[in-house]
PDB file of N, CA and C in Angstrom:
ATOM      1  N   MET A   1       0.834  -1.177   0.000  1.00  0.00           N
ATOM      2  CA  MET A   1       0.000   0.000   0.000  1.00  0.00           C
ATOM      3  C   MET A   1       0.883   1.246   0.000  1.00  0.00           C
ATOM      4  N   PHE A   2       0.619   2.144  -0.922  1.00  0.00           N
ATOM      5  CA  PHE A   2       1.420   3.356  -1.070  1.00  0.00           C
ATOM      6  C   PHE A   2       1.035   4.400  -0.024  1.00  0.00           C
ATOM      7  N   GLN A   3       2.047   4.965   0.624  1.00  0.00           N
ATOM      8  CA  GLN A   3       1.890   6.109   1.516  1.00  0.00           C
ATOM      9  C   GLN A   3       3.134   6.979   1.373  1.00  0.00           C
ATOM     10  N   ALA A   4       2.932   8.291   1.357  1.00  0.00           N
ATOM     11  CA  ALA A   4       4.060   9.217   1.230  1.00  0.00           C
ATOM     12  C   ALA A   4       3.603  10.594   1.676  1.00  0.00           C
ATOM     13  N   HIS A   5       4.553  11.495   1.806  1.00  0.00           N
ATOM     14  CA  HIS A   5       4.184  12.874   2.122  1.00  0.00           C
ATOM     15  C   HIS A   5       5.116  13.834   1.383  1.00  0.00           C
ATOM     16  N   GLN A   6       4.652  15.043   1.270  1.00  0.00           N
ATOM     17  CA  GLN A   6       5.456  16.141   0.732  1.00  0.00           C
ATOM     18  C   GLN A   6       5.128  17.340   1.621  1.00  0.00           C
ATOM     19  N   GLY A   7       6.041  17.687   2.497  1.00  0.00           N
ATOM     20  CA  GLY A   7       5.755  18.749   3.455  1.00  0.00           C
ATOM     21  C   GLY A   7       4.579  18.361   4.332  1.00  0.00           C
ATOM     22  N   ASP A   8       3.557  19.211   4.364  1.00  0.00           N
ATOM     23  CA  ASP A   8       2.388  18.974   5.213  1.00  0.00           C
ATOM     24  C   ASP A   8       1.257  18.245   4.505  1.00  0.00           C
ATOM     25  N   VAL A   9       1.530  17.677   3.337  1.00  0.00           N
ATOM     26  CA  VAL A   9       0.522  16.945   2.563  1.00  0.00           C
ATOM     27  C   VAL A   9       0.865  15.451   2.584  1.00  0.00           C
ATOM     28  N   PHE A  10      -0.120  14.640   2.976  1.00  0.00           N
ATOM     29  CA  PHE A  10       0.047  13.194   3.078  1.00  0.00           C
ATOM     30  C   PHE A  10      -0.758  12.516   1.981  1.00  0.00           C
ATOM     31  N   PHE A  11      -0.167  11.505   1.348  1.00  0.00           N
ATOM     32  CA  PHE A  11      -0.803  10.759   0.258  1.00  0.00           C
ATOM     33  C   PHE A  11      -0.895   9.292   0.648  1.00  0.00           C
ATOM     34  N   GLU A  12      -2.038   8.678   0.313  1.00  0.00           N
ATOM     35  CA  GLU A  12      -2.145   7.237   0.518  1.00  0.00           C
ATOM     36  C   GLU A  12      -3.065   6.623  -0.528  1.00  0.00           C
ATOM     37  N   GLU A  13      -2.756   5.382  -0.853  1.00  0.00           N
ATOM     38  CA  GLU A  13      -3.577   4.629  -1.797  1.00  0.00           C
ATOM     39  C   GLU A  13      -4.945   4.373  -1.171  1.00  0.00           C
ATOM     40  N   ILE A  14      -6.000   4.537  -1.973  1.00  0.00           N
ATOM     41  CA  ILE A  14      -7.358   4.296  -1.491  1.00  0.00           C
ATOM     42  C   ILE A  14      -8.080   3.359  -2.457  1.00  0.00           C
ATOM     43  N   ALA A  15      -9.160   2.765  -1.984  1.00  0.00           N
ATOM     44  CA  ALA A  15      -9.901   1.800  -2.797  1.00  0.00           C
ATOM     45  C   ALA A  15     -10.940   2.461  -3.691  1.00  0.00           C
ATOM     46  N   GLU A  16     -11.490   3.592  -3.237  1.00  0.00           N
ATOM     47  CA  GLU A  16     -12.617   4.187  -3.954  1.00  0.00           C
ATOM     48  C   GLU A  16     -12.515   5.707  -3.928  1.00  0.00           C
ATOM     49  N   ILE A  17     -12.953   6.327  -5.005  1.00  0.00           N
ATOM     50  CA  ILE A  17     -12.993   7.785  -5.102  1.00  0.00           C
ATOM     51  C   ILE A  17     -14.442   8.239  -5.040  1.00  0.00           C
ATOM     52  N   THR A  18     -14.695   9.255  -4.224  1.00  0.00           N
ATOM     53  CA  THR A  18     -16.016   9.872  -4.159  1.00  0.00           C
ATOM     54  C   THR A  18     -15.857  11.351  -4.475  1.00  0.00           C
ATOM     55  N   GLY A  19     -16.950  12.014  -4.674  1.00  0.00           N
ATOM     56  CA  GLY A  19     -16.884  13.452  -4.888  1.00  0.00           C
ATOM     57  C   GLY A  19     -17.074  13.851  -6.331  1.00  0.00           C
ATOM     58  N   LYS A  20     -16.795  15.091  -6.563  1.00  0.00           N
ATOM     59  CA  LYS A  20     -17.041  15.718  -7.852  1.00  0.00           C
ATOM     60  C   LYS A  20     -15.714  16.042  -8.546  1.00  0.00           C
ATOM     61  N   GLU A  21     -15.644  15.727  -9.825  1.00  0.00           N
ATOM     62  CA  GLU A  21     -14.438  16.013 -10.599  1.00  0.00           C
ATOM     63  C   GLU A  21     -14.212  17.522 -10.679  1.00  0.00           C
ATOM     64  N   GLN A  22     -12.953  17.922 -10.514  1.00  0.00           N
ATOM     65  CA  GLN A  22     -12.570  19.340 -10.526  1.00  0.00           C
ATOM     66  C   GLN A  22     -11.738  19.656 -11.770  1.00  0.00           C
ATOM     67  N   ALA A  23     -11.936  20.829 -12.307  1.00  0.00           N
ATOM     68  CA  ALA A  23     -11.150  21.273 -13.461  1.00  0.00           C
ATOM     69  C   ALA A  23      -9.792  21.797 -12.986  1.00  0.00           C
ATOM     70  N   PRO A  24      -8.751  21.620 -13.787  1.00  0.00           N
ATOM     71  CA  PRO A  24      -7.437  22.158 -13.427  1.00  0.00           C
ATOM     72  C   PRO A  24      -7.446  23.694 -13.418  1.00  0.00           C
ATOM     73  N   GLU A  25      -6.546  24.279 -12.626  1.00  0.00           N
ATOM     74  CA  GLU A  25      -6.325  25.724 -12.614  1.00  0.00           C
ATOM     75  C   GLU A  25      -5.027  25.992 -13.368  1.00  0.00           C
ATOM     76  N   ASN A  26      -5.123  26.676 -14.486  1.00  0.00           N
ATOM     77  CA  ASN A  26      -3.932  26.969 -15.298  1.00  0.00           C
ATOM     78  C   ASN A  26      -3.122  25.711 -15.604  1.00  0.00           C
ATOM     79  N   GLY A  27      -3.826  24.616 -15.915  1.00  0.00           N
ATOM     80  CA  GLY A  27      -3.169  23.374 -16.312  1.00  0.00           C
ATOM     81  C   GLY A  27      -2.711  22.481 -15.167  1.00  0.00           C
ATOM     82  N   ARG A  28      -2.978  22.888 -13.915  1.00  0.00           N
ATOM     83  CA  ARG A  28      -2.535  22.111 -12.757  1.00  0.00           C
ATOM     84  C   ARG A  28      -3.682  21.900 -11.780  1.00  0.00           C
ATOM     85  N   HIS A  29      -3.630  20.789 -11.063  1.00  0.00           N
ATOM     86  CA  HIS A  29      -4.557  20.544  -9.968  1.00  0.00           C
ATOM     87  C   HIS A  29      -3.849  20.979  -8.686  1.00  0.00           C
ATOM     88  N   ILE A  30      -4.376  21.985  -8.021  1.00  0.00           N
ATOM     89  CA  ILE A  30      -3.802  22.484  -6.780  1.00  0.00           C
ATOM     90  C   ILE A  30      -4.350  21.633  -5.627  1.00  0.00           C
ATOM     91  N   LEU A  31      -3.466  20.950  -4.931  1.00  0.00           N
ATOM     92  CA  LEU A  31      -3.865  20.085  -3.824  1.00  0.00           C
ATOM     93  C   LEU A  31      -3.930  20.857  -2.514  1.00  0.00           C
ATOM     94  N   ALA A  32      -3.025  21.809  -2.339  1.00  0.00           N
ATOM     95  CA  ALA A  32      -3.001  22.628  -1.121  1.00  0.00           C
ATOM     96  C   ALA A  32      -2.295  23.938  -1.423  1.00  0.00           C
ATOM     97  N   HIS A  33      -2.904  25.028  -0.985  1.00  0.00           N
ATOM     98  CA  HIS A  33      -2.301  26.356  -1.119  1.00  0.00           C
ATOM     99  C   HIS A  33      -1.525  26.672   0.153  1.00  0.00           C
ATOM    100  N   GLY A  34      -0.364  27.290  -0.005  1.00  0.00           N
ATOM    101  CA  GLY A  34       0.395  27.748   1.155  1.00  0.00           C
ATOM    102  C   GLY A  34      -0.237  29.007   1.721  1.00  0.00           C
ATOM    103  N   GLU A  35      -0.528  29.008   3.012  1.00  0.00           N
ATOM    104  CA  GLU A  35      -1.156  30.170   3.639  1.00  0.00           C
ATOM    105  C   GLU A  35      -0.181  31.332   3.794  1.00  0.00           C
ATOM    106  N   VAL A  36       1.082  31.033   3.998  1.00  0.00           N
ATOM    107  CA  VAL A  36       2.062  32.067   4.296  1.00  0.00           C
ATOM    108  C   VAL A  36       2.787  32.534   3.032  1.00  0.00           C
ATOM    109  N   THR A  37       3.236  31.588   2.202  1.00  0.00           N
ATOM    110  CA  THR A  37       4.094  31.920   1.068  1.00  0.00           C
ATOM    111  C   THR A  37       3.370  32.091  -0.255  1.00  0.00           C
ATOM    112  N   GLY A  38       2.167  31.553  -0.362  1.00  0.00           N
ATOM    113  CA  GLY A  38       1.475  31.567  -1.647  1.00  0.00           C
ATOM    114  C   GLY A  38       1.884  30.415  -2.551  1.00  0.00           C
ATOM    115  N   HIS A  39       2.821  29.578  -2.083  1.00  0.00           N
ATOM    116  CA  HIS A  39       3.228  28.401  -2.855  1.00  0.00           C
ATOM    117  C   HIS A  39       2.111  27.364  -2.803  1.00  0.00           C
ATOM    118  N   HIS A  40       2.239  26.312  -3.622  1.00  0.00           N
ATOM    119  CA  HIS A  40       1.199  25.291  -3.634  1.00  0.00           C
ATOM    120  C   HIS A  40       1.761  23.916  -3.989  1.00  0.00           C
ATOM    121  N   HIS A  41       1.079  22.899  -3.515  1.00  0.00           N
ATOM    122  CA  HIS A  41       1.349  21.513  -3.890  1.00  0.00           C
ATOM    123  C   HIS A  41       0.414  21.226  -5.061  1.00  0.00           C
ATOM    124  N   SER A  42       0.952  20.725  -6.170  1.00  0.00           N
ATOM    125  CA  SER A  42       0.106  20.519  -7.347  1.00  0.00           C
ATOM    126  C   SER A  42       0.609  19.375  -8.216  1.00  0.00           C
ATOM    127  N   VAL A  43      -0.307  18.876  -9.059  1.00  0.00           N
ATOM    128  CA  VAL A  43       0.026  17.865 -10.064  1.00  0.00           C
ATOM    129  C   VAL A  43      -0.451  18.387 -11.419  1.00  0.00           C
ATOM    130  N   PRO A  44       0.216  17.996 -12.503  1.00  0.00           N
ATOM    131  CA  PRO A  44      -0.236  18.427 -13.827  1.00  0.00           C
ATOM    132  C   PRO A  44      -1.643  17.905 -14.124  1.00  0.00           C
ATOM    133  N   GLY A  45      -2.481  18.760 -14.680  1.00  0.00           N
ATOM    134  CA  GLY A  45      -3.841  18.382 -15.016  1.00  0.00           C
ATOM    135  C   GLY A  45      -3.931  17.296 -16.067  1.00  0.00           C
ATOM    136  N   THR A  46      -2.878  17.098 -16.824  1.00  0.00           N
ATOM    137  CA  THR A  46      -2.872  16.053 -17.854  1.00  0.00           C
ATOM    138  C   THR A  46      -2.478  14.688 -17.297  1.00  0.00           C
ATOM    139  N   ARG A  47      -2.008  14.631 -16.053  1.00  0.00           N
ATOM    140  CA  ARG A  47      -1.511  13.383 -15.478  1.00  0.00           C
ATOM    141  C   ARG A  47      -2.415  12.784 -14.410  1.00  0.00           C
ATOM    142  N   ALA A  48      -3.441  13.551 -13.983  1.00  0.00           N
ATOM    143  CA  ALA A  48      -4.331  13.069 -12.921  1.00  0.00           C
ATOM    144  C   ALA A  48      -5.673  13.775 -13.028  1.00  0.00           C
ATOM    145  N   VAL A  49      -6.689  13.156 -12.439  1.00  0.00           N
ATOM    146  CA  VAL A  49      -8.014  13.765 -12.333  1.00  0.00           C
ATOM    147  C   VAL A  49      -8.256  13.999 -10.846  1.00  0.00           C
ATOM    148  N   LEU A  50      -8.636  15.216 -10.494  1.00  0.00           N
ATOM    149  CA  LEU A  50      -8.844  15.602  -9.104  1.00  0.00           C
ATOM    150  C   LEU A  50     -10.324  15.569  -8.753  1.00  0.00           C
ATOM    151  N   PHE A  51     -10.625  15.026  -7.581  1.00  0.00           N
ATOM    152  CA  PHE A  51     -11.998  14.974  -7.067  1.00  0.00           C
ATOM    153  C   PHE A  51     -12.015  15.584  -5.671  1.00  0.00           C
ATOM    154  N   ARG A  52     -13.064  16.333  -5.378  1.00  0.00           N
ATOM    155  CA  ARG A  52     -13.282  16.868  -4.022  1.00  0.00           C
ATOM    156  C   ARG A  52     -14.702  16.490  -3.617  1.00  0.00           C
ATOM    157  N   ASP A  53     -14.853  16.135  -2.349  1.00  0.00           N
ATOM    158  CA  ASP A  53     -16.144  15.721  -1.820  1.00  0.00           C
ATOM    159  C   ASP A  53     -16.707  16.863  -0.982  1.00  0.00           C
ATOM    160  N   ASP A  54     -17.537  17.709  -1.590  1.00  0.00           N
ATOM    161  CA  ASP A  54     -18.096  18.875  -0.905  1.00  0.00           C
ATOM    162  C   ASP A  54     -19.023  18.489   0.234  1.00  0.00           C
ATOM    163  N   ALA A  55     -19.561  17.296   0.212  1.00  0.00           N
ATOM    164  CA  ALA A  55     -20.477  16.848   1.265  1.00  0.00           C
ATOM    165  C   ALA A  55     -19.716  16.403   2.519  1.00  0.00           C
ATOM    166  N   LEU A  56     -18.401  16.456   2.455  1.00  0.00           N
ATOM    167  CA  LEU A  56     -17.538  16.038   3.567  1.00  0.00           C
ATOM    168  C   LEU A  56     -17.793  14.593   3.979  1.00  0.00           C
ATOM    169  N   ALA A  57     -18.164  13.782   3.015  1.00  0.00           N
ATOM    170  CA  ALA A  57     -18.385  12.363   3.289  1.00  0.00           C
ATOM    171  C   ALA A  57     -17.057  11.613   3.361  1.00  0.00           C
ATOM    172  N   SER A  58     -15.979  12.283   3.027  1.00  0.00           N
ATOM    173  CA  SER A  58     -14.668  11.660   3.022  1.00  0.00           C
ATOM    174  C   SER A  58     -13.745  12.362   4.010  1.00  0.00           C
ATOM    175  N   SER A  59     -12.776  11.636   4.533  1.00  0.00           N
ATOM    176  CA  SER A  59     -11.781  12.256   5.408  1.00  0.00           C
ATOM    177  C   SER A  59     -10.642  12.880   4.611  1.00  0.00           C
ATOM    178  N   TYR A  60     -10.704  12.787   3.295  1.00  0.00           N
ATOM    179  CA  TYR A  60      -9.659  13.334   2.435  1.00  0.00           C
ATOM    180  C   TYR A  60     -10.030  14.731   1.948  1.00  0.00           C
ATOM    181  N   SER A  61      -9.049  15.611   1.891  1.00  0.00           N
ATOM    182  CA  SER A  61      -9.303  16.949   1.352  1.00  0.00           C
ATOM    183  C   SER A  61      -9.431  16.893  -0.163  1.00  0.00           C
ATOM    184  N   ALA A  62      -8.843  15.868  -0.769  1.00  0.00           N
ATOM    185  CA  ALA A  62      -8.938  15.656  -2.210  1.00  0.00           C
ATOM    186  C   ALA A  62      -8.634  14.189  -2.492  1.00  0.00           C
ATOM    187  N   MET A  63      -9.044  13.748  -3.672  1.00  0.00           N
ATOM    188  CA  MET A  63      -8.728  12.408  -4.142  1.00  0.00           C
ATOM    189  C   MET A  63      -8.265  12.527  -5.585  1.00  0.00           C
ATOM    190  N   LEU A  64      -7.304  11.712  -5.945  1.00  0.00           N
ATOM    191  CA  LEU A  64      -6.747  11.750  -7.294  1.00  0.00           C
ATOM    192  C   LEU A  64      -6.903  10.405  -7.971  1.00  0.00           C
ATOM    193  N   ASP A  65      -7.288  10.436  -9.235  1.00  0.00           N
ATOM    194  CA  ASP A  65      -7.235   9.251 -10.081  1.00  0.00           C
ATOM    195  C   ASP A  65      -6.021   9.455 -10.975  1.00  0.00           C
ATOM    196  N   VAL A  66      -5.007   8.629 -10.789  1.00  0.00           N
ATOM    197  CA  VAL A  66      -3.729   8.785 -11.482  1.00  0.00           C
ATOM    198  C   VAL A  66      -3.540   7.585 -12.412  1.00  0.00           C
ATOM    199  N   PRO A  67      -3.822   7.738 -13.716  1.00  0.00           N
ATOM    200  CA  PRO A  67      -3.750   6.595 -14.633  1.00  0.00           C
ATOM    201  C   PRO A  67      -2.358   5.986 -14.808  1.00  0.00           C
ATOM    202  N   SER A  68      -1.319   6.823 -14.856  1.00  0.00           N
ATOM    203  CA  SER A  68       0.011   6.269 -15.131  1.00  0.00           C
ATOM    204  C   SER A  68       1.120   6.946 -14.335  1.00  0.00           C
ATOM    205  N   GLY A  69       0.815   7.383 -13.140  1.00  0.00           N
ATOM    206  CA  GLY A  69       1.811   8.066 -12.311  1.00  0.00           C
ATOM    207  C   GLY A  69       1.791   9.567 -12.565  1.00  0.00           C
ATOM    208  N   ALA A  70       2.163  10.339 -11.547  1.00  0.00           N
ATOM    209  CA  ALA A  70       2.159  11.801 -11.681  1.00  0.00           C
ATOM    210  C   ALA A  70       3.110  12.417 -10.666  1.00  0.00           C
ATOM    211  N   PRO A  71       3.804  13.493 -11.051  1.00  0.00           N
ATOM    212  CA  PRO A  71       4.662  14.189 -10.105  1.00  0.00           C
ATOM    213  C   PRO A  71       3.862  15.200  -9.283  1.00  0.00           C
ATOM    214  N   VAL A  72       4.162  15.291  -7.992  1.00  0.00           N
ATOM    215  CA  VAL A  72       3.614  16.354  -7.147  1.00  0.00           C
ATOM    216  C   VAL A  72       4.744  17.356  -6.975  1.00  0.00           C
ATOM    217  N   GLU A  73       4.463  18.610  -7.285  1.00  0.00           N
ATOM    218  CA  GLU A  73       5.498  19.630  -7.213  1.00  0.00           C
ATOM    219  C   GLU A  73       5.116  20.723  -6.228  1.00  0.00           C
ATOM    220  N   HIS A  74       6.142  21.321  -5.637  1.00  0.00           N
ATOM    221  CA  HIS A  74       5.994  22.432  -4.700  1.00  0.00           C
ATOM    222  C   HIS A  74       7.260  23.270  -4.828  1.00  0.00           C
ATOM    223  N   GLN A  75       7.128  24.563  -4.661  1.00  0.00           N
ATOM    224  CA  GLN A  75       8.245  25.465  -4.855  1.00  0.00           C
ATOM    225  C   GLN A  75       9.361  25.292  -3.822  1.00  0.00           C
ATOM    226  N   GLU A  76       9.063  24.711  -2.657  1.00  0.00           N
ATOM    227  CA  GLU A  76      10.077  24.574  -1.607  1.00  0.00           C
ATOM    228  C   GLU A  76      10.374  23.136  -1.199  1.00  0.00           C
ATOM    229  N   HIS A  77       9.695  22.166  -1.796  1.00  0.00           N
ATOM    230  CA  HIS A  77       9.908  20.764  -1.439  1.00  0.00           C
ATOM    231  C   HIS A  77      10.395  19.988  -2.656  1.00  0.00           C
ATOM    232  N   ALA A  78      11.080  18.881  -2.390  1.00  0.00           N
ATOM    233  CA  ALA A  78      11.504  17.999  -3.476  1.00  0.00           C
ATOM    234  C   ALA A  78      10.269  17.398  -4.150  1.00  0.00           C
ATOM    235  N   ARG A  79      10.389  17.150  -5.431  1.00  0.00           N
ATOM    236  CA  ARG A  79       9.297  16.521  -6.192  1.00  0.00           C
ATOM    237  C   ARG A  79       8.994  15.153  -5.596  1.00  0.00           C
ATOM    238  N   ARG A  80       7.712  14.801  -5.568  1.00  0.00           N
ATOM    239  CA  ARG A  80       7.256  13.492  -5.094  1.00  0.00           C
ATOM    240  C   ARG A  80       6.497  12.845  -6.235  1.00  0.00           C
ATOM    241  N   ASP A  81       6.829  11.616  -6.573  1.00  0.00           N
ATOM    242  CA  ASP A  81       6.139  10.919  -7.657  1.00  0.00           C
ATOM    243  C   ASP A  81       5.070   9.997  -7.085  1.00  0.00           C
ATOM    244  N   LEU A  82       3.857  10.156  -7.598  1.00  0.00           N
ATOM    245  CA  LEU A  82       2.749   9.290  -7.206  1.00  0.00           C
ATOM    246  C   LEU A  82       2.659   8.130  -8.191  1.00  0.00           C
ATOM    247  N   PRO A  83       2.359   6.930  -7.711  1.00  0.00           N
ATOM    248  CA  PRO A  83       2.183   5.791  -8.616  1.00  0.00           C
ATOM    249  C   PRO A  83       0.805   5.846  -9.275  1.00  0.00           C
ATOM    250  N   ALA A  84       0.600   5.013 -10.256  1.00  0.00           N
ATOM    251  CA  ALA A  84      -0.719   4.887 -10.858  1.00  0.00           C
ATOM    252  C   ALA A  84      -1.681   4.333  -9.819  1.00  0.00           C
ATOM    253  N   GLY A  85      -2.907   4.830  -9.832  1.00  0.00           N
ATOM    254  CA  GLY A  85      -3.916   4.329  -8.905  1.00  0.00           C
ATOM    255  C   GLY A  85      -4.791   5.439  -8.360  1.00  0.00           C
ATOM    256  N   LYS A  86      -5.515   5.117  -7.321  1.00  0.00           N
ATOM    257  CA  LYS A  86      -6.393   6.072  -6.641  1.00  0.00           C
ATOM    258  C   LYS A  86      -5.673   6.527  -5.373  1.00  0.00           C
ATOM    259  N   ILE A  87      -5.539   7.834  -5.211  1.00  0.00           N
ATOM    260  CA  ILE A  87      -4.753   8.397  -4.123  1.00  0.00           C
ATOM    261  C   ILE A  87      -5.599   9.376  -3.314  1.00  0.00           C
ATOM    262  N   GLY A  88      -5.631   9.194  -1.993  1.00  0.00           N
ATOM    263  CA  GLY A  88      -6.274  10.136  -1.091  1.00  0.00           C
ATOM    264  C   GLY A  88      -5.255  11.155  -0.608  1.00  0.00           C
ATOM    265  N   VAL A  89      -5.694  12.398  -0.449  1.00  0.00           N
ATOM    266  CA  VAL A  89      -4.817  13.494  -0.035  1.00  0.00           C
ATOM    267  C   VAL A  89      -5.319  14.037   1.306  1.00  0.00           C
ATOM    268  N   ILE A  90      -4.433  14.099   2.286  1.00  0.00           N
ATOM    269  CA  ILE A  90      -4.771  14.643   3.604  1.00  0.00           C
ATOM    270  C   ILE A  90      -3.829  15.805   3.892  1.00  0.00           C
ATOM    271  N   ILE A  91      -4.404  16.946   4.279  1.00  0.00           N
ATOM    272  CA  ILE A  91      -3.604  18.087   4.694  1.00  0.00           C
ATOM    273  C   ILE A  91      -3.460  17.984   6.208  1.00  0.00           C
ATOM    274  N   GLN A  92      -2.227  17.903   6.685  1.00  0.00           N
ATOM    275  CA  GLN A  92      -2.008  17.749   8.117  1.00  0.00           C
ATOM    276  C   GLN A  92      -2.510  18.969   8.874  1.00  0.00           C
ATOM    277  N   SER A  93      -2.997  18.741  10.066  1.00  0.00           N
ATOM    278  CA  SER A  93      -3.424  19.841  10.926  1.00  0.00           C
ATOM    279  C   SER A  93      -2.673  19.747  12.250  1.00  0.00           C
ATOM    280  N   THR A  94      -2.719  20.810  12.982  1.00  0.00           N
ATOM    281  CA  THR A  94      -2.023  20.861  14.257  1.00  0.00           C
ATOM    282  C   THR A  94      -3.013  21.245  15.354  1.00  0.00           C
ATOM    283  N   TYR A  95      -2.784  20.731  16.540  1.00  0.00           N
ATOM    284  CA  TYR A  95      -3.673  21.042  17.655  1.00  0.00           C
ATOM    285  C   TYR A  95      -3.020  22.087  18.543  1.00  0.00           C
ATOM    286  N   GLU A  96      -3.754  23.120  18.856  1.00  0.00           N
ATOM    287  CA  GLU A  96      -3.369  24.088  19.867  1.00  0.00           C
ATOM    288  C   GLU A  96      -4.575  24.212  20.781  1.00  0.00           C
ATOM    289  N   PRO A  97      -4.369  24.450  22.071  1.00  0.00           N
ATOM    290  CA  PRO A  97      -5.510  24.471  22.986  1.00  0.00           C
ATOM    291  C   PRO A  97      -6.642  25.398  22.549  1.00  0.00           C
ATOM    292  N   GLU A  98      -6.326  26.466  21.855  1.00  0.00           N
ATOM    293  CA  GLU A  98      -7.348  27.408  21.427  1.00  0.00           C
ATOM    294  C   GLU A  98      -8.117  26.930  20.191  1.00  0.00           C
ATOM    295  N   GLU A  99      -7.446  26.135  19.338  1.00  0.00           N
ATOM    296  CA  GLU A  99      -8.073  25.730  18.077  1.00  0.00           C
ATOM    297  C   GLU A  99      -7.314  24.597  17.424  1.00  0.00           C
ATOM    298  N   ILE A 100      -7.977  23.919  16.498  1.00  0.00           N
ATOM    299  CA  ILE A 100      -7.315  22.971  15.601  1.00  0.00           C
ATOM    300  C   ILE A 100      -7.205  23.692  14.271  1.00  0.00           C
ATOM    301  N   ARG A 101      -6.007  23.762  13.721  1.00  0.00           N
ATOM    302  CA  ARG A 101      -5.838  24.508  12.476  1.00  0.00           C
ATOM    303  C   ARG A 101      -4.946  23.739  11.512  1.00  0.00           C
ATOM    304  N   THR A 102      -5.075  24.073  10.230  1.00  0.00           N
ATOM    305  CA  THR A 102      -4.242  23.476   9.198  1.00  0.00           C
ATOM    306  C   THR A 102      -2.810  23.959   9.364  1.00  0.00           C
ATOM    307  N   VAL A 103      -1.850  23.083   9.143  1.00  0.00           N
ATOM    308  CA  VAL A 103      -0.454  23.450   9.233  1.00  0.00           C
ATOM    309  C   VAL A 103      -0.141  24.473   8.151  1.00  0.00           C
ATOM    310  N   ALA A 104       0.509  25.559   8.492  1.00  0.00           N
ATOM    311  CA  ALA A 104       0.907  26.588   7.522  1.00  0.00           C
ATOM    312  C   ALA A 104       2.196  26.164   6.853  1.00  0.00           C
ATOM    313  N   ASP A 105       2.216  26.177   5.545  1.00  0.00           N
ATOM    314  CA  ASP A 105       3.387  25.734   4.792  1.00  0.00           C
ATOM    315  C   ASP A 105       4.228  26.910   4.404  1.00  0.00           C
TER     316      ASP A 105
END
């Protein structure tokens, strides 16, 4: 079973994809936007299909259908290659007594 991470983004192989297909932004699927730097984790729109579940029926922030592998790129992290298959994307969060918040990249 595939599992990997790139910075604060975690990837794992999943059995099923739910949600609605999303169109690429400027040729790329943005998986996570950096809150501080404006950088982003993304895959080429020609190498994967991105799904988001607006009903929050999934614990994943996004799901990818990757027919033949795809690179995940970020301006400050090393490239991560995803294998072919269905991939769930989780954005790590951090706990502070006042709130639970997404990790700032």
